[in-house]
Amino acid sequence: MIKRIKTIIQENRIYHKKTRLMLQEQEWANVYHDSIRGFEAIERLPLNIGRWAGGYAFFYVLHRILKDYKPDTILEFGLGESSKFVSTYITHYLPNTQHQIIEEDLSWEKTFNNQFQLHENSKITLCPLEEKKNKGFVCNHYSGLKEVVKTTFNLYIIDGPNGSKRYSRYDIMYIVSLLKTTDEFIIMFDDFDRKGEQDTFEDLKLYFNSRSIDFVFRDYKGAKTLRVIASIGYRYVMSL
């Protein structure tokens, strides 16, 4: 009987947590739609928000970063809904911004291109998946990434490759190794409710501290969790 009661209590906790997160997602949806009023191209843009794509918190934060900070260069891991959003922003509001997208799947790239035309400043590079071991765990990586990305960017959108159970999306460690202490940056790290992404952030913290790179971070929580990491110059992105 006691075991059954404990099981019921645990099930109720899980249920209430999911309910709370869905209510937060609905609140973020309202905040997002209010924030894009007057941005007609974004209002007209059909997006599939949630599930494999970012949630409403993600797209609200992305909109605010693009509107408020107007990044000159953007690196995105994973081709998808956020690629449409960024490219539409470039077309109508940020014509000088350069947008590099890293994608793992040629079939998905073809499907995407048949459905949506990116701005000429948005360029896709195919880097097929390869498996590597990080601290004894098998993780997905982009093959050939070091030959493709050799410079720094203002904004990093990390929503690929496909997640790993531990030390997920660990390619960000190579990306931040290019940063100097004087570089200003924002990193949007999606799916942060998962253990694998949390593992990787712990190593990011250690790396930044070892290189005396000052940074701040904050979570934006809805159905999924977005962790935003930024240099001190972009610290107000913590209060969007």
Protein backbone atom coordinates (compact mmCIF):
# COMPACT_ATOMS: atom_id res chain seq x y z
CA MET A 1 0.00 0.00 0.00
CA ILE A 2 2.76 2.48 0.93
CA LYS A 3 4.57 1.72 -2.33
CA ARG A 4 1.36 2.38 -4.28
CA ILE A 5 0.82 5.70 -2.47
CA LYS A 6 4.38 6.78 -3.27
CA THR A 7 3.81 5.89 -6.93
CA ILE A 8 0.62 7.95 -7.05
CA ILE A 9 2.36 10.92 -5.41
CA GLN A 10 5.20 10.73 -7.94
CA GLU A 11 2.75 10.49 -10.85
CA ASN A 12 0.88 13.54 -9.55
CA ARG A 13 4.12 15.51 -9.26
CA ILE A 14 5.02 14.69 -12.85
CA TYR A 15 1.52 15.60 -14.03
CA HIS A 16 1.50 18.92 -12.20
CA LYS A 17 4.96 19.80 -13.51
CA LYS A 18 3.85 19.14 -17.10
CA THR A 19 0.69 21.18 -16.53
CA ARG A 20 2.70 24.09 -15.10
CA LEU A 21 5.10 24.04 -18.06
CA MET A 22 2.22 24.00 -20.56
CA LEU A 23 0.67 27.01 -18.81
CA GLN A 24 4.02 28.78 -19.05
CA GLU A 25 4.13 27.90 -22.77
CA GLN A 26 0.70 29.48 -23.27
CA GLU A 27 1.88 32.61 -21.50
CA TRP A 28 4.98 32.75 -23.73
CA ALA A 29 2.72 32.35 -26.78
CA ASN A 30 0.82 35.48 -25.76
CA VAL A 31 4.04 37.37 -25.05
CA TYR A 32 5.47 36.32 -28.42
CA HIS A 33 2.41 37.37 -30.42
CA ASP A 34 2.29 40.73 -28.65
CA SER A 35 6.00 41.30 -29.33
CA ILE A 36 5.77 40.82 -33.11
CA ARG A 37 2.91 43.27 -33.65
CA GLY A 38 3.90 45.73 -36.35
CA PHE A 39 6.47 43.35 -37.82
CA GLU A 40 4.22 42.40 -40.70
CA ALA A 41 6.61 39.99 -42.41
CA ILE A 42 6.99 38.04 -39.17
CA GLU A 43 3.26 38.16 -38.44
CA ARG A 44 2.57 36.63 -41.87
CA LEU A 45 5.27 33.97 -41.56
CA PRO A 46 3.78 30.47 -41.05
CA LEU A 47 5.78 28.70 -38.35
CA ASN A 48 5.46 25.28 -36.74
CA ILE A 49 6.39 26.21 -33.19
CA GLY A 50 7.15 23.54 -30.61
CA ARG A 51 7.90 19.82 -30.75
CA TRP A 52 11.16 19.46 -32.75
CA ALA A 53 11.34 23.21 -33.29
CA GLY A 54 11.87 25.84 -30.63
CA GLY A 55 8.98 26.78 -28.37
CA TYR A 56 7.35 30.18 -27.92
CA ALA A 57 9.94 31.28 -25.36
CA PHE A 58 12.65 30.48 -27.92
CA PHE A 59 11.02 32.50 -30.70
CA TYR A 60 10.23 35.42 -28.41
CA VAL A 61 13.86 35.63 -27.29
CA LEU A 62 15.10 35.23 -30.88
CA HIS A 63 12.82 38.05 -32.03
CA ARG A 64 14.00 40.35 -29.25
CA ILE A 65 17.67 39.62 -29.97
CA LEU A 66 17.24 40.32 -33.68
CA LYS A 67 15.20 43.48 -33.02
CA ASP A 68 17.20 44.93 -30.14
CA TYR A 69 20.77 43.86 -30.94
CA LYS A 70 20.72 43.45 -34.74
CA PRO A 71 23.56 40.89 -34.95
CA ASP A 72 25.79 41.21 -38.01
CA THR A 73 26.64 37.51 -38.11
CA ILE A 74 24.62 34.46 -37.07
CA LEU A 75 25.66 30.81 -36.87
CA GLU A 76 22.82 28.30 -36.60
CA PHE A 77 23.11 24.59 -35.86
CA GLY A 78 20.12 22.82 -37.41
CA LEU A 79 17.98 23.87 -40.40
CA GLY A 80 14.34 24.48 -39.55
CA GLU A 81 11.73 26.91 -38.32
CA SER A 82 14.23 29.28 -36.74
CA SER A 83 16.07 29.38 -40.08
CA LYS A 84 12.86 30.66 -41.71
CA PHE A 85 12.48 33.23 -38.94
CA VAL A 86 16.03 34.55 -39.17
CA SER A 87 16.03 34.60 -42.96
CA THR A 88 12.71 36.47 -43.07
CA TYR A 89 14.15 38.99 -40.61
CA ILE A 90 17.16 39.45 -42.88
CA THR A 91 14.93 39.93 -45.93
CA HIS A 92 12.85 42.69 -44.34
CA TYR A 93 14.78 44.20 -41.43
CA LEU A 94 18.47 43.18 -41.37
CA PRO A 95 19.68 43.21 -44.98
CA ASN A 96 23.38 43.27 -44.05
CA THR A 97 23.31 40.32 -41.64
CA GLN A 98 25.11 37.14 -42.68
CA HIS A 99 23.51 33.84 -41.62
CA GLN A 100 25.33 30.50 -41.79
CA ILE A 101 23.34 27.31 -41.20
CA ILE A 102 24.89 23.91 -40.47
CA GLU A 103 22.66 20.95 -41.37
CA GLU A 104 23.27 17.21 -41.05
CA ASP A 105 20.65 15.73 -43.40
CA LEU A 106 20.73 16.22 -47.20
CA SER A 107 17.20 14.84 -47.60
CA TRP A 108 15.81 17.35 -45.10
CA GLU A 109 17.74 20.18 -46.77
CA LYS A 110 16.10 19.33 -50.12
CA THR A 111 12.65 19.12 -48.52
CA PHE A 112 13.14 22.44 -46.76
CA ASN A 113 14.33 24.20 -49.91
CA ASN A 114 11.28 22.94 -51.80
CA GLN A 115 9.02 24.57 -49.22
CA PHE A 116 10.82 27.79 -48.35
CA GLN A 117 13.23 30.14 -50.11
CA LEU A 118 15.93 31.52 -47.86
CA HIS A 119 17.44 34.97 -48.34
CA GLU A 120 20.71 34.96 -50.27
CA ASN A 121 22.53 35.93 -47.05
CA SER A 122 21.35 32.67 -45.44
CA LYS A 123 23.64 29.88 -46.57
CA ILE A 124 23.34 26.17 -45.75
CA THR A 125 26.39 23.94 -45.35
CA LEU A 126 25.89 20.18 -45.11
CA CYS A 127 27.93 18.50 -42.36
CA PRO A 128 26.78 14.86 -42.00
CA LEU A 129 26.59 13.32 -38.56
CA GLU A 130 29.46 11.40 -37.09
CA GLU A 131 29.73 9.75 -33.70
CA LYS A 132 32.53 10.60 -31.29
CA LYS A 133 33.15 9.76 -27.67
CA ASN A 134 33.08 12.49 -25.04
CA LYS A 135 34.15 11.30 -21.59
CA GLY A 136 33.18 7.75 -22.50
CA PHE A 137 29.76 8.65 -23.95
CA VAL A 138 28.91 8.31 -27.65
CA CYS A 139 27.72 11.69 -28.98
CA ASN A 140 26.56 13.12 -32.30
CA HIS A 141 28.84 15.65 -33.98
CA TYR A 142 28.94 17.53 -37.29
CA SER A 143 31.67 16.10 -39.50
CA GLY A 144 34.04 18.62 -41.08
CA LEU A 145 32.83 21.49 -38.92
CA LYS A 146 36.33 22.86 -38.35
CA GLU A 147 36.81 23.27 -42.11
CA VAL A 148 33.52 25.16 -42.40
CA VAL A 149 33.52 27.43 -39.34
CA LYS A 150 36.78 29.29 -38.83
CA THR A 151 35.62 32.60 -37.40
CA THR A 152 33.41 34.01 -34.65
CA PHE A 153 29.79 35.19 -34.83
CA ASN A 154 27.60 37.58 -32.84
CA LEU A 155 24.72 35.14 -32.35
CA TYR A 156 24.85 31.35 -32.05
CA ILE A 157 21.62 29.34 -32.32
CA ILE A 158 22.27 25.81 -31.08
CA ASP A 159 19.41 23.49 -32.01
CA GLY A 160 21.38 20.68 -33.66
CA PRO A 161 22.64 18.13 -34.36
CA ASN A 162 20.20 15.49 -33.10
CA GLY A 163 20.53 15.32 -29.34
CA SER A 164 22.70 12.85 -27.45
CA LYS A 165 21.87 11.39 -24.03
CA ARG A 166 25.06 12.82 -22.54
CA TYR A 167 27.25 15.79 -23.61
CA SER A 168 24.80 16.73 -26.32
CA ARG A 169 25.64 19.23 -29.08
CA TYR A 170 29.22 19.25 -27.93
CA ASP A 171 30.39 20.98 -31.13
CA ILE A 172 29.70 24.23 -29.32
CA MET A 173 32.95 23.59 -27.45
CA TYR A 174 34.91 23.99 -30.69
CA ILE A 175 32.90 27.09 -31.57
CA VAL A 176 33.66 28.87 -28.30
CA SER A 177 37.35 27.95 -28.60
CA LEU A 178 37.49 30.56 -31.38
CA LEU A 179 36.33 33.34 -29.05
CA LYS A 180 38.69 35.93 -27.61
CA THR A 181 38.12 37.64 -24.28
CA THR A 182 37.10 40.83 -26.10
CA ASP A 183 34.46 39.17 -28.31
CA GLU A 184 30.80 39.90 -27.64
CA PHE A 185 28.39 37.01 -28.20
CA ILE A 186 24.99 35.50 -27.46
CA ILE A 187 24.37 31.74 -27.44
CA MET A 188 20.83 30.36 -27.61
CA PHE A 189 21.04 26.76 -26.35
CA ASP A 190 17.71 24.99 -26.93
CA ASP A 191 16.40 21.81 -25.26
CA PHE A 192 18.15 22.69 -22.03
CA ASP A 193 15.68 20.64 -20.01
CA ARG A 194 17.68 17.58 -21.16
CA LYS A 195 20.63 16.06 -19.32
CA GLY A 196 22.90 16.01 -22.39
CA GLU A 197 22.67 19.76 -22.96
CA GLN A 198 23.21 20.39 -19.25
CA ASP A 199 26.39 18.30 -19.36
CA THR A 200 27.73 20.40 -22.19
CA PHE A 201 26.97 23.67 -20.40
CA GLU A 202 29.00 22.56 -17.39
CA ASP A 203 32.02 22.15 -19.68
CA LEU A 204 31.24 25.52 -21.30
CA LYS A 205 31.38 27.16 -17.86
CA LEU A 206 34.70 25.53 -17.08
CA TYR A 207 36.13 26.64 -20.43
CA PHE A 208 34.95 30.25 -20.10
CA ASN A 209 36.32 30.48 -16.57
CA SER A 210 39.66 28.99 -17.61
CA ARG A 211 39.99 31.64 -20.35
CA SER A 212 38.76 34.52 -18.17
CA ILE A 213 35.79 35.07 -20.49
CA ASP A 214 33.10 36.82 -18.45
CA PHE A 215 29.57 35.65 -19.17
CA VAL A 216 26.03 35.58 -17.83
CA PHE A 217 23.23 33.09 -18.38
CA ARG A 218 19.51 32.63 -17.83
CA ASP A 219 16.81 30.04 -18.56
CA TYR A 220 13.57 30.86 -20.38
CA LYS A 221 11.14 28.04 -19.57
CA GLY A 222 8.02 26.91 -21.39
CA ALA A 223 7.20 23.43 -22.66
CA LYS A 224 10.96 23.24 -23.27
CA THR A 225 13.81 25.18 -21.70
CA LEU A 226 16.03 27.64 -23.55
CA ARG A 227 19.31 28.62 -21.91
CA VAL A 228 20.73 31.94 -23.06
CA ILE A 229 24.45 32.55 -22.50
CA ALA A 230 25.96 35.95 -23.24
CA SER A 231 29.05 38.05 -22.86
CA ILE A 232 28.83 40.99 -20.48
CA GLY A 233 28.18 43.43 -23.31
CA TYR A 234 24.92 41.61 -24.01
CA ARG A 235 23.97 41.13 -20.36
CA TYR A 236 20.56 42.76 -20.77
CA VAL A 237 19.45 39.77 -22.82
CA MET A 238 18.91 38.21 -19.40
CA SER A 239 15.94 40.52 -18.79
CA LEU A 240 13.91 40.14 -21.98
